[in-house]
Amino acid sequence: SFGSHGLGPQCRVSHRIAGYMAMRRADALAAASWLERQAGIPPGGIILMGWSNGASTVLRASRPAHDLPAGLFRGFVAFYPACRFASPGRDWHPVAPMLILIGAKDDWTPAPPCHELTLHAPADVTLLTYPGAYHDFDVPVPVRILRHVSFAQNPDGSVHVGGNPPARADAMIRVPAFMAHLAASSP
């Protein structure tokens, strides 16, 4: 939803206008509500999926709140979210099953906060951590270094991004299987 707000890429922007905690959460809920009303959409709720900042938006959109219509979501998939920023506290749990996929070597959105997050909702969240994988592990391009990145874990502001073929191959199997399971268990 950065583009719909007239914003470009946000990787190097520290003070974002369209943050996942409010504006992008509202965008995700509005988009899911619109999609749910369209002809041909199967009943049982929408599966919300996002990558990086979009995955952080998924975490925020998944929490129970007064603005979240009951039954809107069937499930959630989050690729390398910023769990340390996106989780709203120890009482966090998603309103539907969630799959989080992250690289163990991610130095932009590190895996340990996601491990901590899942301790609060073990029945609701499946976490897959890929050894040797960095941010963007699911893209078919070699690992490279980006510099001057906001929220980098490295003191010099650099992060590693790029594909990890075994992690990508596993994710390409696990995500459709997770979605199929959600569809099979839906009313």
N, C-alpha and C. Protein backbone atom coordinates (compact mmCIF):
# COMPACT_ATOMS: atom_id res chain seq x y z
N SER A 1 0.80 -1.22 0.00
CA SER A 1 0.00 0.00 0.00
C SER A 1 0.84 1.27 0.00
N PHE A 2 2.16 1.15 -0.13
CA PHE A 2 2.97 2.37 -0.22
C PHE A 2 2.58 3.18 -1.46
N GLY A 3 2.43 2.49 -2.59
CA GLY A 3 2.10 3.18 -3.84
C GLY A 3 0.76 3.87 -3.79
N SER A 4 -0.24 3.24 -3.16
CA SER A 4 -1.57 3.86 -3.09
C SER A 4 -1.58 5.12 -2.22
N HIS A 5 -0.54 5.30 -1.45
CA HIS A 5 -0.41 6.51 -0.64
C HIS A 5 0.59 7.50 -1.25
N GLY A 6 0.96 7.24 -2.52
CA GLY A 6 1.87 8.14 -3.22
C GLY A 6 3.31 8.04 -2.76
N LEU A 7 3.67 6.90 -2.17
CA LEU A 7 5.02 6.70 -1.66
C LEU A 7 5.76 5.69 -2.53
N GLY A 8 7.05 5.88 -2.65
CA GLY A 8 7.88 4.92 -3.36
C GLY A 8 8.46 3.89 -2.41
N PRO A 9 9.54 3.24 -2.81
CA PRO A 9 10.19 2.26 -1.94
C PRO A 9 10.55 2.88 -0.58
N GLN A 10 10.42 2.09 0.45
CA GLN A 10 10.61 2.58 1.81
C GLN A 10 11.81 1.94 2.53
N CYS A 11 12.64 1.20 1.82
CA CYS A 11 13.74 0.48 2.45
C CYS A 11 14.75 1.39 3.16
N ARG A 12 14.87 2.59 2.69
CA ARG A 12 15.86 3.51 3.27
C ARG A 12 15.19 4.67 4.02
N VAL A 13 13.92 4.50 4.35
CA VAL A 13 13.16 5.55 5.03
C VAL A 13 12.92 5.11 6.48
N SER A 14 13.43 5.86 7.42
CA SER A 14 13.27 5.51 8.84
C SER A 14 11.94 5.96 9.41
N HIS A 15 11.47 7.12 9.01
CA HIS A 15 10.21 7.66 9.52
C HIS A 15 9.15 7.54 8.44
N ARG A 16 8.48 6.40 8.44
CA ARG A 16 7.51 6.09 7.39
C ARG A 16 6.15 6.69 7.70
N ILE A 17 5.57 7.26 6.67
CA ILE A 17 4.21 7.81 6.78
C ILE A 17 3.22 6.66 6.82
N ALA A 18 3.41 5.68 5.95
CA ALA A 18 2.50 4.53 5.86
C ALA A 18 3.12 3.37 6.62
N GLY A 19 2.94 3.35 7.92
CA GLY A 19 3.48 2.28 8.75
C GLY A 19 2.52 1.11 8.86
N TYR A 20 3.07 -0.05 9.19
CA TYR A 20 2.24 -1.24 9.29
C TYR A 20 1.38 -1.26 10.55
N MET A 21 1.68 -0.40 11.52
CA MET A 21 0.93 -0.44 12.77
C MET A 21 -0.45 0.18 12.65
N ALA A 22 -0.67 1.07 11.76
CA ALA A 22 -1.99 1.72 11.66
C ALA A 22 -2.46 1.78 10.22
N MET A 23 -1.82 2.62 9.41
CA MET A 23 -2.29 2.86 8.06
C MET A 23 -2.28 1.60 7.20
N ARG A 24 -1.19 0.85 7.23
CA ARG A 24 -1.13 -0.34 6.38
C ARG A 24 -2.02 -1.45 6.92
N ARG A 25 -2.20 -1.51 8.24
CA ARG A 25 -3.16 -2.47 8.80
C ARG A 25 -4.55 -2.14 8.27
N ALA A 26 -4.92 -0.88 8.34
CA ALA A 26 -6.23 -0.46 7.84
C ALA A 26 -6.37 -0.77 6.35
N ASP A 27 -5.31 -0.55 5.58
CA ASP A 27 -5.33 -0.87 4.15
C ASP A 27 -5.57 -2.37 3.93
N ALA A 28 -4.88 -3.21 4.72
CA ALA A 28 -5.03 -4.66 4.58
C ALA A 28 -6.45 -5.10 4.93
N LEU A 29 -7.00 -4.54 6.00
CA LEU A 29 -8.37 -4.90 6.38
C LEU A 29 -9.37 -4.44 5.32
N ALA A 30 -9.17 -3.26 4.79
CA ALA A 30 -10.07 -2.74 3.74
C ALA A 30 -9.98 -3.59 2.48
N ALA A 31 -8.77 -3.96 2.09
CA ALA A 31 -8.60 -4.78 0.88
C ALA A 31 -9.23 -6.16 1.07
N ALA A 32 -9.04 -6.76 2.23
CA ALA A 32 -9.62 -8.08 2.49
C ALA A 32 -11.15 -8.00 2.52
N SER A 33 -11.68 -6.95 3.12
CA SER A 33 -13.14 -6.77 3.16
C SER A 33 -13.72 -6.60 1.76
N TRP A 34 -13.01 -5.82 0.93
CA TRP A 34 -13.45 -5.64 -0.46
C TRP A 34 -13.41 -6.97 -1.20
N LEU A 35 -12.29 -7.69 -1.07
CA LEU A 35 -12.12 -8.96 -1.77
C LEU A 35 -13.18 -9.97 -1.35
N GLU A 36 -13.48 -10.00 -0.07
CA GLU A 36 -14.46 -10.95 0.45
C GLU A 36 -15.84 -10.75 -0.19
N ARG A 37 -16.16 -9.54 -0.59
CA ARG A 37 -17.47 -9.23 -1.18
C ARG A 37 -17.54 -9.51 -2.68
N GLN A 38 -16.44 -9.87 -3.29
CA GLN A 38 -16.43 -10.08 -4.73
C GLN A 38 -17.01 -11.44 -5.11
N ALA A 39 -17.63 -11.48 -6.28
CA ALA A 39 -18.19 -12.73 -6.79
C ALA A 39 -17.09 -13.75 -7.01
N GLY A 40 -17.40 -14.99 -6.69
CA GLY A 40 -16.46 -16.08 -6.93
C GLY A 40 -15.46 -16.32 -5.82
N ILE A 41 -15.49 -15.52 -4.79
CA ILE A 41 -14.58 -15.73 -3.67
C ILE A 41 -15.17 -16.79 -2.75
N PRO A 42 -14.43 -17.86 -2.50
CA PRO A 42 -14.99 -18.91 -1.64
C PRO A 42 -15.25 -18.40 -0.22
N PRO A 43 -16.28 -18.91 0.43
CA PRO A 43 -16.56 -18.50 1.80
C PRO A 43 -15.49 -19.04 2.75
N GLY A 44 -15.43 -18.47 3.92
CA GLY A 44 -14.52 -18.99 4.94
C GLY A 44 -13.40 -18.05 5.29
N GLY A 45 -13.29 -16.93 4.62
CA GLY A 45 -12.27 -15.96 4.96
C GLY A 45 -11.13 -15.88 3.96
N ILE A 46 -10.40 -14.79 4.06
CA ILE A 46 -9.29 -14.47 3.17
C ILE A 46 -7.98 -14.93 3.82
N ILE A 47 -7.02 -15.32 3.00
CA ILE A 47 -5.67 -15.59 3.49
C ILE A 47 -4.84 -14.37 3.13
N LEU A 48 -4.29 -13.72 4.14
CA LEU A 48 -3.46 -12.53 3.95
C LEU A 48 -2.00 -12.95 3.96
N MET A 49 -1.27 -12.54 2.91
CA MET A 49 0.14 -12.90 2.78
C MET A 49 0.96 -11.66 2.48
N GLY A 50 2.16 -11.58 3.08
CA GLY A 50 3.02 -10.43 2.84
C GLY A 50 4.48 -10.78 3.01
N TRP A 51 5.32 -9.92 2.44
CA TRP A 51 6.77 -10.09 2.49
C TRP A 51 7.38 -8.86 3.16
N SER A 52 8.32 -9.07 4.07
CA SER A 52 9.08 -8.03 4.74
C SER A 52 8.15 -7.04 5.43
N ASN A 53 8.12 -5.79 5.01
CA ASN A 53 7.23 -4.82 5.65
C ASN A 53 5.78 -5.26 5.50
N GLY A 54 5.46 -5.85 4.37
CA GLY A 54 4.12 -6.39 4.18
C GLY A 54 3.83 -7.54 5.13
N ALA A 55 4.85 -8.32 5.47
CA ALA A 55 4.69 -9.40 6.45
C ALA A 55 4.47 -8.83 7.84
N SER A 56 5.13 -7.72 8.14
CA SER A 56 4.90 -7.04 9.41
C SER A 56 3.46 -6.54 9.48
N THR A 57 2.96 -6.07 8.34
CA THR A 57 1.56 -5.66 8.26
C THR A 57 0.65 -6.85 8.51
N VAL A 58 1.01 -8.02 7.99
CA VAL A 58 0.23 -9.24 8.23
C VAL A 58 0.14 -9.51 9.73
N LEU A 59 1.26 -9.40 10.45
CA LEU A 59 1.24 -9.63 11.89
C LEU A 59 0.29 -8.66 12.59
N ARG A 60 0.35 -7.40 12.21
CA ARG A 60 -0.52 -6.40 12.84
C ARG A 60 -1.99 -6.61 12.46
N ALA A 61 -2.24 -6.99 11.22
CA ALA A 61 -3.62 -7.20 10.77
C ALA A 61 -4.24 -8.44 11.40
N SER A 62 -3.41 -9.35 11.88
CA SER A 62 -3.92 -10.62 12.41
C SER A 62 -4.40 -10.54 13.85
N ARG A 63 -4.09 -9.45 14.53
CA ARG A 63 -4.44 -9.38 15.96
C ARG A 63 -5.91 -9.02 16.14
N PRO A 64 -6.54 -9.60 17.15
CA PRO A 64 -7.93 -9.25 17.43
C PRO A 64 -8.05 -7.78 17.83
N ALA A 65 -9.03 -7.11 17.30
CA ALA A 65 -9.29 -5.71 17.63
C ALA A 65 -10.71 -5.36 17.16
N HIS A 66 -11.21 -4.24 17.64
CA HIS A 66 -12.57 -3.84 17.32
C HIS A 66 -12.79 -3.59 15.83
N ASP A 67 -11.73 -3.24 15.09
CA ASP A 67 -11.88 -2.94 13.66
C ASP A 67 -11.76 -4.17 12.77
N LEU A 68 -11.53 -5.34 13.35
CA LEU A 68 -11.36 -6.57 12.56
C LEU A 68 -12.68 -7.35 12.56
N PRO A 69 -13.35 -7.40 11.40
CA PRO A 69 -14.61 -8.15 11.33
C PRO A 69 -14.39 -9.64 11.61
N ALA A 70 -15.27 -10.23 12.38
CA ALA A 70 -15.18 -11.66 12.69
C ALA A 70 -15.24 -12.48 11.40
N GLY A 71 -14.34 -13.45 11.29
CA GLY A 71 -14.33 -14.35 10.15
C GLY A 71 -13.74 -13.78 8.87
N LEU A 72 -13.20 -12.57 8.92
CA LEU A 72 -12.63 -11.98 7.71
C LEU A 72 -11.45 -12.78 7.20
N PHE A 73 -10.62 -13.28 8.12
CA PHE A 73 -9.42 -14.01 7.71
C PHE A 73 -9.51 -15.48 8.06
N ARG A 74 -9.03 -16.28 7.12
CA ARG A 74 -8.93 -17.73 7.28
C ARG A 74 -7.54 -18.10 7.77
N GLY A 75 -6.55 -17.28 7.37
CA GLY A 75 -5.17 -17.57 7.74
C GLY A 75 -4.24 -16.47 7.30
N PHE A 76 -2.98 -16.62 7.68
CA PHE A 76 -1.96 -15.60 7.43
C PHE A 76 -0.63 -16.27 7.06
N VAL A 77 0.08 -15.66 6.12
CA VAL A 77 1.42 -16.10 5.74
C VAL A 77 2.32 -14.87 5.76
N ALA A 78 3.41 -14.95 6.50
CA ALA A 78 4.32 -13.81 6.64
C ALA A 78 5.75 -14.25 6.32
N PHE A 79 6.30 -13.72 5.23
CA PHE A 79 7.69 -13.97 4.85
C PHE A 79 8.58 -12.89 5.46
N TYR A 80 9.48 -13.26 6.30
CA TYR A 80 10.48 -12.42 6.98
C TYR A 80 9.94 -11.09 7.51
N PRO A 81 8.98 -11.18 8.47
CA PRO A 81 8.46 -9.96 9.10
C PRO A 81 9.43 -9.42 10.15
N ALA A 82 9.23 -8.17 10.51
CA ALA A 82 9.98 -7.56 11.61
C ALA A 82 9.21 -7.85 12.90
N CYS A 83 9.37 -9.04 13.42
CA CYS A 83 8.59 -9.46 14.58
C CYS A 83 8.84 -8.58 15.80
N ARG A 84 10.02 -8.03 15.93
CA ARG A 84 10.31 -7.21 17.12
C ARG A 84 9.51 -5.91 17.13
N PHE A 85 9.09 -5.42 15.98
CA PHE A 85 8.31 -4.20 15.91
C PHE A 85 6.81 -4.47 15.72
N ALA A 86 6.49 -5.53 15.03
CA ALA A 86 5.11 -5.75 14.60
C ALA A 86 4.22 -6.39 15.66
N SER A 87 4.78 -7.11 16.60
CA SER A 87 3.93 -7.76 17.59
C SER A 87 3.53 -6.76 18.66
N PRO A 88 2.26 -6.69 18.97
CA PRO A 88 1.79 -5.69 19.90
C PRO A 88 1.88 -6.07 21.38
N GLY A 89 2.64 -7.08 21.72
CA GLY A 89 2.82 -7.41 23.12
C GLY A 89 2.72 -8.90 23.40
N ARG A 90 2.96 -9.24 24.64
CA ARG A 90 2.99 -10.64 25.05
C ARG A 90 1.66 -11.35 24.89
N ASP A 91 0.56 -10.61 24.89
CA ASP A 91 -0.74 -11.24 24.75
C ASP A 91 -1.15 -11.40 23.28
N TRP A 92 -0.23 -11.12 22.37
CA TRP A 92 -0.53 -11.23 20.94
C TRP A 92 -0.83 -12.68 20.56
N HIS A 93 -1.82 -12.82 19.73
CA HIS A 93 -2.10 -14.08 19.05
C HIS A 93 -2.94 -13.74 17.82
N PRO A 94 -2.74 -14.46 16.73
CA PRO A 94 -3.53 -14.17 15.53
C PRO A 94 -4.94 -14.73 15.65
N VAL A 95 -5.86 -14.14 14.90
CA VAL A 95 -7.25 -14.59 14.93
C VAL A 95 -7.47 -15.85 14.09
N ALA A 96 -6.45 -16.26 13.35
CA ALA A 96 -6.52 -17.46 12.52
C ALA A 96 -5.10 -18.04 12.43
N PRO A 97 -4.95 -19.26 11.95
CA PRO A 97 -3.61 -19.86 11.85
C PRO A 97 -2.65 -19.01 11.03
N MET A 98 -1.40 -19.02 11.44
CA MET A 98 -0.36 -18.21 10.77
C MET A 98 0.87 -19.06 10.50
N LEU A 99 1.47 -18.81 9.34
CA LEU A 99 2.75 -19.40 8.96
C LEU A 99 3.75 -18.26 8.79
N ILE A 100 4.86 -18.33 9.54
CA ILE A 100 5.94 -17.33 9.41
C ILE A 100 7.15 -18.06 8.85
N LEU A 101 7.76 -17.49 7.80
CA LEU A 101 8.96 -18.04 7.18
C LEU A 101 10.05 -16.99 7.25
N ILE A 102 11.23 -17.38 7.76
CA ILE A 102 12.30 -16.40 7.95
C ILE A 102 13.66 -17.10 7.86
N GLY A 103 14.66 -16.35 7.41
CA GLY A 103 16.01 -16.87 7.34
C GLY A 103 16.73 -16.74 8.67
N ALA A 104 17.46 -17.75 9.05
CA ALA A 104 18.20 -17.73 10.32
C ALA A 104 19.29 -16.67 10.32
N LYS A 105 19.79 -16.30 9.13
CA LYS A 105 20.86 -15.30 9.05
C LYS A 105 20.34 -13.92 8.64
N ASP A 106 19.03 -13.73 8.70
CA ASP A 106 18.44 -12.45 8.30
C ASP A 106 18.98 -11.34 9.20
N ASP A 107 19.66 -10.37 8.59
CA ASP A 107 20.23 -9.26 9.36
C ASP A 107 19.47 -7.95 9.12
N TRP A 108 18.26 -8.08 8.61
CA TRP A 108 17.37 -6.93 8.46
C TRP A 108 16.16 -7.10 9.39
N THR A 109 15.50 -8.23 9.27
CA THR A 109 14.42 -8.58 10.18
C THR A 109 14.80 -9.91 10.83
N PRO A 110 15.53 -9.87 11.93
CA PRO A 110 16.11 -11.09 12.50
C PRO A 110 15.08 -12.10 13.00
N ALA A 111 15.50 -13.35 12.98
CA ALA A 111 14.63 -14.45 13.37
C ALA A 111 14.34 -14.55 14.87
N PRO A 112 15.29 -14.26 15.77
CA PRO A 112 15.00 -14.47 17.20
C PRO A 112 13.73 -13.80 17.72
N PRO A 113 13.39 -12.57 17.34
CA PRO A 113 12.12 -12.02 17.82
C PRO A 113 10.90 -12.82 17.34
N CYS A 114 11.01 -13.45 16.18
CA CYS A 114 9.90 -14.29 15.69
C CYS A 114 9.79 -15.55 16.54
N HIS A 115 10.94 -16.09 16.94
CA HIS A 115 10.91 -17.26 17.84
C HIS A 115 10.22 -16.88 19.15
N GLU A 116 10.56 -15.72 19.69
CA GLU A 116 9.94 -15.24 20.93
C GLU A 116 8.44 -15.03 20.73
N LEU A 117 8.08 -14.46 19.62
CA LEU A 117 6.67 -14.20 19.33
C LEU A 117 5.86 -15.50 19.31
N THR A 118 6.40 -16.53 18.72
CA THR A 118 5.66 -17.79 18.62
C THR A 118 5.48 -18.47 19.97
N LEU A 119 6.31 -18.14 20.94
CA LEU A 119 6.15 -18.70 22.28
C LEU A 119 4.83 -18.25 22.90
N HIS A 120 4.31 -17.10 22.46
CA HIS A 120 3.07 -16.56 23.00
C HIS A 120 1.84 -17.13 22.31
N ALA A 121 2.02 -17.79 21.17
CA ALA A 121 0.88 -18.33 20.43
C ALA A 121 1.26 -19.64 19.74
N PRO A 122 1.79 -20.62 20.50
CA PRO A 122 2.30 -21.83 19.85
C PRO A 122 1.25 -22.64 19.10
N ALA A 123 0.00 -22.57 19.53
CA ALA A 123 -1.04 -23.33 18.84
C ALA A 123 -1.50 -22.65 17.56
N ASP A 124 -1.22 -21.34 17.44
CA ASP A 124 -1.73 -20.57 16.30
C ASP A 124 -0.68 -20.27 15.24
N VAL A 125 0.60 -20.38 15.59
CA VAL A 125 1.67 -19.94 14.69
C VAL A 125 2.64 -21.08 14.41
N THR A 126 2.91 -21.29 13.12
CA THR A 126 3.96 -22.21 12.69
C THR A 126 5.11 -21.36 12.19
N LEU A 127 6.28 -21.54 12.76
CA LEU A 127 7.46 -20.78 12.36
C LEU A 127 8.44 -21.69 11.67
N LEU A 128 8.84 -21.31 10.46
CA LEU A 128 9.87 -22.03 9.72
C LEU A 128 11.09 -21.12 9.63
N THR A 129 12.19 -21.54 10.20
CA THR A 129 13.44 -20.78 10.16
C THR A 129 14.42 -21.56 9.30
N TYR A 130 14.93 -20.91 8.27
CA TYR A 130 15.81 -21.58 7.31
C TYR A 130 17.27 -21.30 7.60
N PRO A 131 18.05 -22.33 7.95
CA PRO A 131 19.48 -22.15 8.22
C PRO A 131 20.20 -21.60 7.00
N GLY A 132 21.10 -20.67 7.21
CA GLY A 132 21.91 -20.13 6.13
C GLY A 132 21.20 -19.15 5.22
N ALA A 133 19.93 -18.86 5.50
CA ALA A 133 19.16 -17.99 4.62
C ALA A 133 19.08 -16.57 5.17
N TYR A 134 19.08 -15.61 4.24
CA TYR A 134 18.96 -14.19 4.56
C TYR A 134 17.58 -13.68 4.17
N HIS A 135 17.39 -12.39 4.31
CA HIS A 135 16.18 -11.69 3.86
C HIS A 135 16.01 -11.93 2.36
N ASP A 136 14.80 -12.08 1.90
CA ASP A 136 14.50 -12.35 0.49
C ASP A 136 14.98 -13.73 0.05
N PHE A 137 15.02 -14.69 0.98
CA PHE A 137 15.52 -16.03 0.66
C PHE A 137 14.74 -16.70 -0.45
N ASP A 138 13.51 -16.25 -0.70
CA ASP A 138 12.65 -16.92 -1.67
C ASP A 138 12.75 -16.35 -3.08
N VAL A 139 13.65 -15.40 -3.31
CA VAL A 139 13.81 -14.86 -4.66
C VAL A 139 14.92 -15.63 -5.39
N PRO A 140 14.81 -15.78 -6.70
CA PRO A 140 15.81 -16.54 -7.45
C PRO A 140 16.99 -15.68 -7.91
N VAL A 141 17.56 -14.91 -7.00
CA VAL A 141 18.75 -14.10 -7.31
C VAL A 141 19.80 -14.32 -6.24
N PRO A 142 21.07 -14.17 -6.58
CA PRO A 142 22.13 -14.38 -5.60
C PRO A 142 22.08 -13.37 -4.45
N VAL A 143 22.66 -13.76 -3.34
CA VAL A 143 22.75 -12.87 -2.18
C VAL A 143 23.66 -11.69 -2.54
N ARG A 144 23.21 -10.50 -2.13
CA ARG A 144 24.00 -9.29 -2.32
C ARG A 144 23.85 -8.43 -1.07
N ILE A 145 24.60 -7.38 -0.98
CA ILE A 145 24.55 -6.49 0.16
C ILE A 145 23.90 -5.17 -0.25
N LEU A 146 22.92 -4.74 0.54
CA LEU A 146 22.32 -3.42 0.38
C LEU A 146 22.90 -2.52 1.47
N ARG A 147 23.19 -1.31 1.13
CA ARG A 147 23.77 -0.38 2.10
C ARG A 147 22.79 0.75 2.42
N HIS A 148 23.00 1.37 3.56
CA HIS A 148 22.19 2.51 4.01
C HIS A 148 20.71 2.15 4.13
N VAL A 149 20.46 1.01 4.74
CA VAL A 149 19.11 0.50 4.88
C VAL A 149 18.58 0.82 6.28
N SER A 150 17.37 1.32 6.34
CA SER A 150 16.75 1.58 7.64
C SER A 150 16.50 0.28 8.38
N PHE A 151 16.73 0.30 9.66
CA PHE A 151 16.47 -0.81 10.55
C PHE A 151 17.40 -2.01 10.33
N ALA A 152 18.55 -1.78 9.68
CA ALA A 152 19.54 -2.85 9.51
C ALA A 152 20.07 -3.25 10.88
N GLN A 153 20.42 -4.49 11.03
CA GLN A 153 20.99 -4.98 12.29
C GLN A 153 22.50 -4.76 12.36
N ASN A 154 23.12 -4.54 11.23
CA ASN A 154 24.56 -4.32 11.18
C ASN A 154 24.87 -2.84 11.44
N PRO A 155 25.90 -2.55 12.23
CA PRO A 155 26.22 -1.16 12.58
C PRO A 155 26.48 -0.25 11.38
N ASP A 156 26.93 -0.82 10.27
CA ASP A 156 27.21 0.01 9.10
C ASP A 156 25.99 0.25 8.21
N GLY A 157 24.81 -0.23 8.64
CA GLY A 157 23.58 -0.02 7.87
C GLY A 157 23.43 -0.92 6.67
N SER A 158 24.20 -1.98 6.62
CA SER A 158 24.11 -2.92 5.49
C SER A 158 23.26 -4.13 5.88
N VAL A 159 22.68 -4.75 4.87
CA VAL A 159 21.94 -5.99 5.05
C VAL A 159 22.23 -6.91 3.87
N HIS A 160 22.10 -8.19 4.12
CA HIS A 160 22.23 -9.19 3.06
C HIS A 160 20.83 -9.53 2.57
N VAL A 161 20.65 -9.59 1.27
CA VAL A 161 19.37 -9.99 0.68
C VAL A 161 19.65 -10.90 -0.50
N GLY A 162 18.81 -11.88 -0.69
CA GLY A 162 18.96 -12.75 -1.84
C GLY A 162 18.55 -14.18 -1.54
N GLY A 163 18.49 -14.91 -2.62
CA GLY A 163 17.94 -16.25 -2.58
C GLY A 163 18.79 -17.30 -1.90
N ASN A 164 18.07 -18.30 -1.41
CA ASN A 164 18.66 -19.50 -0.84
C ASN A 164 17.86 -20.64 -1.47
N PRO A 165 18.42 -21.31 -2.48
CA PRO A 165 17.63 -22.31 -3.22
C PRO A 165 16.94 -23.37 -2.38
N PRO A 166 17.60 -23.97 -1.36
CA PRO A 166 16.86 -24.95 -0.57
C PRO A 166 15.68 -24.34 0.21
N ALA A 167 15.88 -23.14 0.77
CA ALA A 167 14.81 -22.48 1.51
C ALA A 167 13.67 -22.12 0.56
N ARG A 168 14.02 -21.59 -0.61
CA ARG A 168 13.00 -21.23 -1.60
C ARG A 168 12.19 -22.46 -2.01
N ALA A 169 12.88 -23.57 -2.28
CA ALA A 169 12.20 -24.80 -2.70
C ALA A 169 11.25 -25.28 -1.61
N ASP A 170 11.70 -25.23 -0.36
CA ASP A 170 10.85 -25.66 0.75
C ASP A 170 9.63 -24.75 0.89
N ALA A 171 9.85 -23.44 0.81
CA ALA A 171 8.74 -22.50 0.94
C ALA A 171 7.72 -22.69 -0.18
N MET A 172 8.20 -23.02 -1.38
CA MET A 172 7.30 -23.23 -2.52
C MET A 172 6.40 -24.46 -2.32
N ILE A 173 6.80 -25.34 -1.43
CA ILE A 173 5.98 -26.50 -1.08
C ILE A 173 5.12 -26.20 0.14
N ARG A 174 5.73 -25.62 1.16
CA ARG A 174 5.06 -25.41 2.45
C ARG A 174 3.90 -24.41 2.37
N VAL A 175 4.08 -23.31 1.65
CA VAL A 175 3.02 -22.30 1.62
C VAL A 175 1.76 -22.84 0.94
N PRO A 176 1.84 -23.43 -0.25
CA PRO A 176 0.62 -24.00 -0.84
C PRO A 176 -0.01 -25.09 0.03
N ALA A 177 0.82 -25.90 0.71
CA ALA A 177 0.28 -26.94 1.58
C ALA A 177 -0.46 -26.32 2.76
N PHE A 178 0.10 -25.25 3.33
CA PHE A 178 -0.56 -24.55 4.43
C PHE A 178 -1.89 -23.98 3.97
N MET A 179 -1.89 -23.38 2.80
CA MET A 179 -3.13 -22.80 2.26
C MET A 179 -4.16 -23.88 1.96
N ALA A 180 -3.72 -25.00 1.43
CA ALA A 180 -4.64 -26.10 1.13
C ALA A 180 -5.25 -26.65 2.42
N HIS A 181 -4.44 -26.74 3.45
CA HIS A 181 -4.94 -27.21 4.75
C HIS A 181 -6.01 -26.25 5.30
N LEU A 182 -5.75 -24.94 5.16
CA LEU A 182 -6.73 -23.95 5.61
C LEU A 182 -8.04 -24.09 4.84
N ALA A 183 -7.93 -24.31 3.54
CA ALA A 183 -9.13 -24.45 2.71
C ALA A 183 -9.90 -25.69 3.08
N ALA A 184 -9.17 -26.77 3.37
CA ALA A 184 -9.84 -28.04 3.72
C ALA A 184 -10.52 -27.97 5.07
N SER A 185 -9.97 -27.16 5.98
CA SER A 185 -10.55 -27.08 7.32
C SER A 185 -11.57 -25.95 7.46
N SER A 186 -11.82 -25.23 6.38
CA SER A 186 -12.78 -24.12 6.41
C SER A 186 -14.20 -24.65 6.29
N PRO A 187 -15.15 -23.94 6.89
CA PRO A 187 -16.56 -24.39 6.81
C PRO A 187 -17.10 -24.37 5.40
